[in-house]
Structure formats: C-alpha cells, structure tokens
Amino acid sequence: MPNKEMLLIPGPTPVVDEIYEALSRETMSHTDMRFAGIFSEALAQTRKMFNTDGEVFVIAGSGTLAMEMALANTVARGEKLLIVSHGYFGDRFIGVAKALGIEAEVLAAEWGKQIEPSQIEEKLQQGGYKAVTVTHADTSTGVAANLDKVVPTVKKYGALFILDGVCASGGLEEDMGKAYGTDDYKIDVVLTASQKAIGVPPGLAIVAFGPKALESRAKMDGVNSYYMDINNWSPVMKEPQKYFATHPINMIYGYAEAMKIIAAEGTAARYRRHAAIGKAIRAAVRSMGMNIFAAEEVAAPTLSCILYPEGVNDAEFRAVLAKKGLIVAGLLASLAGKGFRLGHMGNTTNDIFCKALEIIGETLGEMGFPVDSAKAVQVFKDVFTENNK
C-alpha cells in the first residue's frame, strides 16, 4: 500500500508496506494459539528493545493510557510525584496525577531548555517523593532529556524513575538494564505508544515495568482502575491466549512486524540513524535561513521545531505543503504561528527527507523567501553521512 503523502508530523509516522501487509492479515481469535505465538514473540522483542528483566504490557489504547497505567500502578493516591516538564506533554502528567489522586509538584523548564539536575536535586532533598516523571523527547519543544544526568540524580533519592518515551521509544536508547552510576540507578518504567518511532498506526499503549516498579505495585492495596491494573494483564502477557480483554488482533500483527524491523536493523544502528537524521535535518534547515527552537545540545533526534523567517504566513505555508503532499504540524502554545514541527523518526528514509526539503525550499521561494533547496539537500546528505558511522 503506497503512502500518498509524506506524513512528517511528530506522529503518526509513515507506515511501511511490510506493516500495512501485516495489519491486513486475516483476523484470528484473540485466544488462538497461533495468535498467541505472534504476540509472545512481539513481547519478547519489546523486552529486548528496553533491555528489561521486568514485564512489558502491550494493550489497546493510546500514549495517554500508557501514562495513566504507569502512574496508577506505581504511585498510590495521596503519594507525592515530581513532574519534570520540558513542555506541553510533560505538563500532561499534571492532569493524569490529579485524576488518580496523586499529589503532584511540577518542575517546568523554560521552553526550549532542559531542567538542570541541580534543580531536580533541590526538590528531591525535600523528601517524600515516590516517583519522578520525565518526558524523553517533548513534541511541543523538540527538547530531549539528558538521561545520563537526570537518572542518577533521581535515583540518588530513592524515587522511581518513570520515563515518557512516546516520541522516543524505538528512536532513542531507553535501556532499563543500564546502570547510571551504580547498579541500582536504573530506569524503572518506560511508557510509550505505537505510532511514532516504532512506526505502527495509533492504537497501542506500551508500558515496561522494571523490578522496582513491579515491587511498588505489589505493595499497593489496589489500583483505581480495572482495565489499567497490571495485575489483571500480567497473566495474559505471559500467556497471550488467556483472556482478560480482547486484544486488538490486527494491531498486534502490525506491532509484531515493527518489532521484527527494529530487531533486523539493530537498536544501536537505529539509534545512530535517528541521531544522524536529526542533526542532518537541523543543519539543512539552517542552510535555508530558518532556525531550530531547541539548541543543538538539547535537540531531540526524533523531531524538530523549526522557526520561520520573519514574515512567513504559517497557515498558508503549511496548506501549500499539504497540497504538495507534505504534511507537517504547527507549533503549540506561545509558539503557534511562528514555525512548524517536522517529525523525523520511525521507518522513514533519507529519500523522503530530501524530497521534503525540496518542497519546503520551493514553497518558501513561492512565498517570497528564495532559498537554495539543492544546497539544503546536499547539506542533509553530507551531515547524515558524517554522523551515521
């Protein structure tokens, strides 16, 4: 099934033929042992991607459900949560925590910047925080968290580290087996969704719980949910032919194919490719006279927030791109109208980005802002080659 448009928003991302073909297979029973085998292999590959000896859960739902599931099974009503926010999607944990009766405090970065570890430490020194949430790549700002700095800061104070990987998983390393300084300093939960760097259409909530997070759930009296309770899902994830709720069969087919694609590429190569594409896109865009909202040292490999030259009409620009088959997203909140968001993640190819740069340059020229598209494409190719070694 050919993609008729270049869907380069921060998710959903373009879906490759192999995944479309998997999605279109004949639907089986959710208790069929053949389906159970497919699902079991996908779950095994998910554990490998996150390098966890804990448990992974893949269920029908969105990234928002994954956020709720992560908090509901680790932080009890009335316990304290610290939300480290690098933008709009970090702030979404506020509403989730409130709905679950969790006492949340927010440490919000200036948009386009990272929270400093010293700021997190100052908060945690006050004591009593059960967990800390961090968004790995915030799609509102294009800022990525520095896990090498943040994880040990949080773990030093005994809090659970909950990572929102919705715009990162499958594109940035999220190694739950990695020790950040000492053996006990590890990521405890990663939550994500199917439609971004993993490359499947929207519809799956994915959450990985490490040993300490599972211990936390075991100590809780209960969860304020039936569907989100991992105690209800755990037997099914171990033996997918068992019933708790009906699996989204065809979505699991697609997800299993995506996991095969990731495994075939290799996680190290995939993460290197995403980092190289991110650098190449940002360099190419700058060569056109545009700027990136997030500084290079904090910019996410999976998406960029691109600022227009003065005088570009946002709605007109994006509408013209859409007519030419390139779909990008607008900026959010105070940045709205000042630029656009370009997703560069998943199972995309360099040919797609070269074509996208040509269309962007052509459209800027038509709007009275002439740029050298050929130069931008060459910059992209050169920077990608230099960084994907």
Protein backbone atom coordinates (compact mmCIF):
# COMPACT_ATOMS: atom_id res chain seq x y z
CA MET A 1 0.00 0.00 0.00
CA PRO A 2 1.87 3.12 -1.16
CA ASN A 3 1.84 6.18 1.09
CA LYS A 4 0.23 9.00 -0.92
CA GLU A 5 1.53 11.71 1.42
CA MET A 6 4.71 12.33 3.38
CA LEU A 7 3.34 12.38 6.91
CA LEU A 8 6.19 14.14 8.68
CA ILE A 9 4.43 15.29 11.83
CA PRO A 10 5.61 14.23 15.32
CA GLY A 11 3.45 11.13 14.96
CA PRO A 12 1.76 9.21 13.48
CA THR A 13 4.71 8.48 11.21
CA PRO A 14 4.73 6.89 7.75
CA VAL A 15 3.84 3.20 7.77
CA VAL A 16 5.92 0.87 5.58
CA ASP A 17 4.44 -1.78 3.30
CA GLU A 18 5.51 -4.70 5.49
CA ILE A 19 3.49 -3.31 8.39
CA TYR A 20 0.48 -2.49 6.21
CA GLU A 21 0.57 -6.06 4.92
CA ALA A 22 0.71 -7.41 8.46
CA LEU A 23 -2.23 -5.23 9.51
CA SER A 24 -4.33 -6.62 6.66
CA ARG A 25 -3.92 -10.30 7.55
CA GLU A 26 -6.98 -12.35 8.36
CA THR A 27 -8.20 -11.70 11.88
CA MET A 28 -7.80 -14.64 14.25
CA SER A 29 -9.44 -15.33 17.58
CA HIS A 30 -7.78 -13.49 20.45
CA THR A 31 -7.36 -16.88 22.20
CA ASP A 32 -5.94 -18.70 19.13
CA MET A 33 -2.58 -20.30 19.91
CA ARG A 34 -1.27 -19.11 16.54
CA PHE A 35 -2.02 -15.53 17.53
CA ALA A 36 -0.53 -16.16 20.97
CA GLY A 37 2.73 -17.17 19.30
CA ILE A 38 2.86 -13.96 17.26
CA PHE A 39 2.09 -11.82 20.32
CA SER A 40 4.58 -13.67 22.52
CA GLU A 41 7.39 -13.03 20.05
CA ALA A 42 6.46 -9.34 19.84
CA LEU A 43 6.52 -9.07 23.63
CA ALA A 44 9.91 -10.80 23.76
CA GLN A 45 11.29 -8.33 21.22
CA THR A 46 9.82 -5.46 23.26
CA ARG A 47 11.69 -6.67 26.35
CA LYS A 48 14.87 -6.79 24.27
CA MET A 49 14.33 -3.26 22.96
CA PHE A 50 14.03 -1.96 26.52
CA ASN A 51 16.58 -4.47 27.86
CA THR A 52 14.45 -5.24 30.87
CA ASP A 53 14.08 -8.32 33.06
CA GLY A 54 10.78 -6.92 34.28
CA GLU A 55 7.45 -7.11 32.46
CA VAL A 56 6.08 -5.42 29.35
CA PHE A 57 2.44 -4.68 28.57
CA VAL A 58 1.03 -4.01 25.10
CA ILE A 59 -2.70 -3.25 25.16
CA ALA A 60 -5.34 -1.42 23.14
CA GLY A 61 -5.07 2.28 23.90
CA SER A 62 -3.08 5.44 23.35
CA GLY A 63 0.02 7.02 24.83
CA THR A 64 -2.22 8.81 27.29
CA LEU A 65 -3.46 5.46 28.57
CA ALA A 66 0.18 4.38 28.92
CA MET A 67 0.84 7.49 31.04
CA GLU A 68 -2.08 6.63 33.32
CA MET A 69 -1.07 2.98 33.51
CA ALA A 70 2.48 3.90 34.52
CA LEU A 71 1.35 6.15 37.36
CA ALA A 72 -1.65 4.13 38.55
CA ASN A 73 0.49 1.03 39.15
CA THR A 74 3.38 2.74 40.94
CA VAL A 75 2.12 5.78 42.86
CA ALA A 76 -0.81 5.45 45.25
CA ARG A 77 -3.45 8.05 45.97
CA GLY A 78 -2.02 10.73 48.27
CA GLU A 79 1.64 9.91 47.49
CA LYS A 80 3.96 12.57 46.08
CA LEU A 81 5.07 12.77 42.47
CA LEU A 82 7.58 15.17 40.93
CA ILE A 83 6.87 16.05 37.30
CA VAL A 84 9.92 17.23 35.38
CA SER A 85 8.46 19.02 32.36
CA HIS A 86 10.20 20.18 29.20
CA GLY A 87 6.98 21.32 27.53
CA TYR A 88 3.30 20.70 26.92
CA PHE A 89 3.47 16.93 27.03
CA GLY A 90 5.43 16.88 30.26
CA ASP A 91 2.66 19.03 31.73
CA ARG A 92 0.06 16.41 30.76
CA PHE A 93 1.18 14.36 33.75
CA ILE A 94 -0.43 17.04 35.93
CA GLY A 95 -3.92 16.09 34.78
CA VAL A 96 -3.17 12.37 35.00
CA ALA A 97 -1.89 12.70 38.56
CA LYS A 98 -4.88 14.80 39.60
CA ALA A 99 -7.32 12.23 38.21
CA LEU A 100 -5.57 9.49 40.19
CA GLY A 101 -5.48 11.46 43.44
CA ILE A 102 -1.70 11.75 43.39
CA GLU A 103 -0.07 14.79 45.00
CA ALA A 104 1.96 16.25 42.13
CA GLU A 105 4.50 19.04 42.00
CA VAL A 106 5.88 20.40 38.74
CA LEU A 107 9.39 21.47 37.87
CA ALA A 108 8.93 23.16 34.49
CA ALA A 109 11.76 24.19 32.21
CA GLU A 110 11.74 27.36 30.18
CA TRP A 111 10.50 26.21 26.78
CA GLY A 112 13.44 25.17 24.61
CA LYS A 113 15.69 24.37 27.56
CA GLN A 114 16.37 21.43 29.87
CA ILE A 115 15.79 21.28 33.59
CA GLU A 116 19.15 21.26 35.33
CA PRO A 117 19.88 18.24 37.57
CA SER A 118 20.63 20.66 40.43
CA GLN A 119 17.02 21.91 40.24
CA ILE A 120 15.72 18.34 40.48
CA GLU A 121 18.05 17.59 43.38
CA GLU A 122 16.89 20.69 45.25
CA LYS A 123 13.30 19.43 45.03
CA LEU A 124 14.11 15.84 45.95
CA GLN A 125 16.07 16.94 49.00
CA GLN A 126 12.74 17.95 50.50
CA GLY A 127 11.94 14.23 50.70
CA GLY A 128 8.84 12.14 50.33
CA TYR A 129 8.65 11.78 46.55
CA LYS A 130 7.54 8.32 45.45
CA ALA A 131 8.41 8.85 41.78
CA VAL A 132 9.63 11.32 39.19
CA THR A 133 8.31 11.58 35.62
CA VAL A 134 10.48 12.79 32.74
CA THR A 135 9.48 13.14 29.09
CA HIS A 136 12.31 11.78 26.95
CA ALA A 137 11.50 13.91 23.88
CA ASP A 138 8.82 16.58 24.22
CA THR A 139 6.98 17.09 20.95
CA SER A 140 5.98 20.66 21.80
CA THR A 141 9.54 21.96 22.10
CA GLY A 142 11.82 19.42 20.42
CA VAL A 143 13.84 19.12 23.63
CA ALA A 144 15.28 15.77 24.72
CA ALA A 145 16.08 14.94 28.34
CA ASN A 146 19.65 14.03 29.27
CA LEU A 147 19.18 10.65 30.95
CA ASP A 148 22.85 10.35 31.87
CA LYS A 149 22.41 13.35 34.16
CA VAL A 150 18.80 13.03 35.27
CA VAL A 151 18.51 9.31 36.11
CA PRO A 152 21.30 9.24 38.74
CA THR A 153 20.02 12.47 40.27
CA VAL A 154 16.57 10.95 40.78
CA LYS A 155 17.76 7.50 41.89
CA LYS A 156 20.10 9.01 44.46
CA TYR A 157 16.98 9.92 46.46
CA GLY A 158 15.27 6.56 46.10
CA ALA A 159 12.42 7.70 43.84
CA LEU A 160 11.11 5.62 40.96
CA PHE A 161 12.18 6.95 37.55
CA ILE A 162 9.26 6.98 35.10
CA LEU A 163 10.19 7.83 31.51
CA ASP A 164 7.67 9.01 28.94
CA GLY A 165 9.06 7.56 25.73
CA VAL A 166 6.08 8.29 23.47
CA CYS A 167 8.16 10.34 20.99
CA ALA A 168 11.38 8.43 21.64
CA SER A 169 10.96 4.66 22.02
CA GLY A 170 12.45 2.92 19.01
CA GLY A 171 14.44 6.04 18.11
CA LEU A 172 16.41 6.85 21.26
CA GLU A 173 18.07 4.46 23.68
CA GLU A 174 15.85 3.58 26.64
CA ASP A 175 17.90 0.84 28.27
CA MET A 176 16.25 -0.28 31.50
CA GLY A 177 19.14 -2.62 32.26
CA LYS A 178 21.72 0.16 32.12
CA ALA A 179 23.22 1.28 35.41
CA TYR A 180 23.59 5.06 35.60
CA GLY A 181 26.50 5.26 38.03
CA THR A 182 25.68 2.38 40.39
CA ASP A 183 23.89 -0.94 39.93
CA ASP A 184 20.66 0.37 41.50
CA TYR A 185 20.41 3.55 39.41
CA LYS A 186 18.16 2.40 36.57
CA ILE A 187 15.06 3.48 34.69
CA ASP A 188 12.07 1.88 36.40
CA VAL A 189 9.24 2.45 33.90
CA VAL A 190 9.11 3.32 30.22
CA LEU A 191 5.74 4.19 28.71
CA THR A 192 5.14 4.70 25.03
CA ALA A 193 2.77 4.23 22.08
CA SER A 194 2.85 2.56 18.71
CA GLN A 195 2.61 5.45 16.27
CA LYS A 196 5.87 7.35 16.49
CA ALA A 197 9.41 5.99 16.24
CA ILE A 198 8.07 2.41 16.37
CA GLY A 199 6.24 3.12 13.12
CA VAL A 200 2.82 1.46 13.59
CA PRO A 201 -0.53 3.30 13.30
CA PRO A 202 -2.03 4.68 16.53
CA GLY A 203 -3.82 2.21 18.78
CA LEU A 204 -1.41 0.54 21.18
CA ALA A 205 -0.32 1.60 24.67
CA ILE A 206 3.03 0.07 25.62
CA VAL A 207 4.49 0.09 29.14
CA ALA A 208 7.60 -1.63 30.50
CA PHE A 209 7.94 -2.09 34.28
CA GLY A 210 11.30 -2.89 35.84
CA PRO A 211 11.71 -4.92 39.05
CA LYS A 212 11.41 -1.95 41.44
CA ALA A 213 8.26 -0.71 39.74
CA LEU A 214 6.75 -4.20 39.98
CA GLU A 215 7.67 -4.28 43.68
CA SER A 216 5.86 -0.98 44.11
CA ARG A 217 2.70 -2.40 42.54
CA ALA A 218 2.92 -5.50 44.76
CA LYS A 219 2.91 -3.29 47.86
CA MET A 220 -0.14 -1.29 46.79
CA ASP A 221 -3.55 -2.24 48.19
CA GLY A 222 -5.12 -1.75 44.80
CA VAL A 223 -5.39 0.41 41.70
CA ASN A 224 -8.17 2.89 40.94
CA SER A 225 -8.87 1.15 37.67
CA TYR A 226 -9.85 -2.23 36.35
CA TYR A 227 -8.54 -2.03 32.80
CA MET A 228 -5.22 -0.39 33.75
CA ASP A 229 -4.32 -2.74 36.60
CA ILE A 230 -1.21 -4.65 35.53
CA ASN A 231 -2.17 -7.46 37.92
CA ASN A 232 -5.05 -8.17 35.55
CA TRP A 233 -2.83 -8.03 32.47
CA SER A 234 0.26 -9.83 33.75
CA PRO A 235 -1.04 -13.42 33.27
CA VAL A 236 -2.13 -12.52 29.74
CA MET A 237 1.23 -11.02 28.79
CA LYS A 238 2.87 -14.25 29.94
CA GLU A 239 0.35 -16.42 28.05
CA PRO A 240 -1.46 -14.29 25.45
CA GLN A 241 -4.10 -16.95 24.73
CA LYS A 242 -5.58 -16.23 28.17
CA TYR A 243 -8.46 -13.78 28.36
CA PHE A 244 -8.79 -10.53 30.26
CA ALA A 245 -9.90 -8.17 27.49
CA THR A 246 -9.94 -8.71 23.75
CA HIS A 247 -6.64 -7.94 22.07
CA PRO A 248 -6.54 -5.59 19.04
CA ILE A 249 -5.54 -8.55 16.85
CA ASN A 250 -4.56 -6.77 13.65
CA MET A 251 -2.72 -4.02 15.51
CA ILE A 252 -0.67 -6.71 17.22
CA TYR A 253 0.15 -8.18 13.80
CA GLY A 254 1.47 -4.78 12.74
CA TYR A 255 3.33 -4.28 16.00
CA ALA A 256 4.97 -7.70 15.72
CA GLU A 257 6.20 -6.77 12.24
CA ALA A 258 7.54 -3.45 13.58
CA MET A 259 9.47 -5.29 16.27
CA LYS A 260 11.00 -7.52 13.56
CA ILE A 261 12.05 -4.44 11.60
CA ILE A 262 13.69 -2.91 14.68
CA ALA A 263 15.46 -6.17 15.51
CA ALA A 264 16.72 -6.56 11.93
CA GLU A 265 18.13 -3.04 11.86
CA GLY A 266 19.61 -3.44 15.35
CA THR A 267 18.87 -0.98 18.14
CA ALA A 268 22.36 0.58 18.15
CA ALA A 269 22.19 1.22 14.39
CA ARG A 270 18.64 2.51 14.66
CA TYR A 271 19.50 4.99 17.41
CA ARG A 272 22.57 6.14 15.49
CA ARG A 273 20.45 6.63 12.35
CA HIS A 274 17.91 8.75 14.22
CA ALA A 275 20.63 10.91 15.78
CA ALA A 276 22.25 11.41 12.37
CA ILE A 277 18.93 12.29 10.69
CA GLY A 278 18.14 14.81 13.41
CA LYS A 279 21.48 16.56 13.00
CA ALA A 280 21.19 16.49 9.22
CA ILE A 281 17.67 17.95 9.19
CA ARG A 282 18.64 20.74 11.55
CA ALA A 283 21.74 21.62 9.50
CA ALA A 284 19.76 21.58 6.25
CA VAL A 285 17.03 23.81 7.66
CA ARG A 286 19.58 26.30 8.96
CA SER A 287 21.14 26.44 5.50
CA MET A 288 17.72 27.68 4.28
CA GLY A 289 17.81 30.61 6.70
CA MET A 290 15.47 29.10 9.28
CA ASN A 291 16.26 28.37 12.93
CA ILE A 292 15.59 25.50 15.33
CA PHE A 293 13.77 26.35 18.55
CA ALA A 294 15.80 23.96 20.74
CA ALA A 295 19.56 24.49 20.94
CA GLU A 296 21.62 21.79 19.24
CA GLU A 297 22.91 20.34 22.52
CA VAL A 298 19.37 19.63 23.77
CA ALA A 299 17.60 18.91 20.46
CA ALA A 300 15.70 15.64 20.10
CA PRO A 301 16.70 13.19 17.35
CA THR A 302 13.06 12.42 16.54
CA LEU A 303 11.51 15.81 15.74
CA SER A 304 12.41 19.46 15.26
CA CYS A 305 10.54 22.68 15.99
CA ILE A 306 11.50 24.90 13.06
CA LEU A 307 11.11 28.70 13.16
CA TYR A 308 10.15 30.65 10.04
CA PRO A 309 11.97 33.64 8.63
CA GLU A 310 10.15 36.83 9.62
CA GLY A 311 7.03 37.33 7.52
CA VAL A 312 6.04 33.76 6.60
CA ASN A 313 2.32 33.07 7.00
CA ASP A 314 2.09 29.81 8.92
CA ALA A 315 -1.36 28.65 7.82
CA GLU A 316 -0.64 29.44 4.17
CA PHE A 317 2.78 27.76 4.24
CA ARG A 318 1.53 24.52 5.75
CA ALA A 319 -1.51 24.48 3.48
CA VAL A 320 0.70 24.75 0.38
CA LEU A 321 2.96 21.98 1.69
CA ALA A 322 -0.10 19.78 2.19
CA LYS A 323 -1.25 20.36 -1.40
CA LYS A 324 2.19 19.15 -2.49
CA GLY A 325 1.89 16.01 -0.35
CA LEU A 326 3.98 17.07 2.64
CA ILE A 327 2.17 17.16 5.99
CA VAL A 328 3.84 18.98 8.87
CA ALA A 329 2.45 20.14 12.22
CA GLY A 330 2.05 23.60 13.69
CA LEU A 331 3.85 24.80 16.78
CA LEU A 332 1.97 24.94 20.08
CA ALA A 333 1.05 27.48 22.76
CA SER A 334 3.08 30.72 22.61
CA LEU A 335 5.00 29.40 19.59
CA ALA A 336 1.86 28.93 17.46
CA GLY A 337 2.19 30.60 14.07
CA LYS A 338 5.93 31.08 14.37
CA GLY A 339 7.02 27.86 12.73
CA PHE A 340 6.26 24.19 12.23
CA ARG A 341 7.12 20.80 13.68
CA LEU A 342 8.82 18.23 11.48
CA GLY A 343 8.93 14.61 12.60
CA HIS A 344 12.00 12.63 11.52
CA MET A 345 11.62 9.21 13.08
CA GLY A 346 10.46 5.66 12.62
CA ASN A 347 10.89 3.72 9.40
CA THR A 348 11.40 6.80 7.24
CA THR A 349 14.10 7.04 4.57
CA ASN A 350 16.61 9.68 3.57
CA ASP A 351 14.88 9.96 0.19
CA ILE A 352 11.74 11.13 1.99
CA PHE A 353 13.62 13.86 3.80
CA CYS A 354 15.46 15.01 0.68
CA LYS A 355 12.11 15.34 -1.12
CA ALA A 356 10.61 17.13 1.89
CA LEU A 357 13.48 19.64 1.93
CA GLU A 358 12.96 20.30 -1.78
CA ILE A 359 9.26 21.00 -1.21
CA ILE A 360 9.96 23.24 1.79
CA GLY A 361 12.53 25.25 -0.18
CA GLU A 362 10.29 25.50 -3.22
CA THR A 363 7.37 26.72 -1.12
CA LEU A 364 9.46 29.32 0.70
CA GLY A 365 10.56 30.63 -2.69
CA GLU A 366 6.97 30.87 -3.90
CA MET A 367 6.14 32.91 -0.81
CA GLY A 368 8.93 35.41 -1.45
CA PHE A 369 11.72 33.82 0.55
CA PRO A 370 14.10 32.32 -2.04
CA VAL A 371 16.40 29.58 -0.76
CA ASP A 372 18.82 27.10 -2.31
CA SER A 373 16.98 23.78 -1.97
CA ALA A 374 19.71 21.83 -3.74
CA LYS A 375 22.25 23.10 -1.24
CA ALA A 376 19.97 22.13 1.67
CA VAL A 377 19.59 18.61 0.30
CA GLN A 378 23.36 18.26 -0.08
CA VAL A 379 23.90 19.56 3.46
CA PHE A 380 21.45 16.92 4.68
CA LYS A 381 23.29 14.15 2.85
CA ASP A 382 26.75 15.27 3.99
CA VAL A 383 25.81 15.72 7.67
CA PHE A 384 23.94 12.40 7.73
CA THR A 385 26.90 10.53 6.22
CA GLU A 386 29.32 12.13 8.66
CA ASN A 387 27.23 11.21 11.71
CA ASN A 388 25.96 7.74 10.73
CA LYS A 389 29.28 5.95 11.02
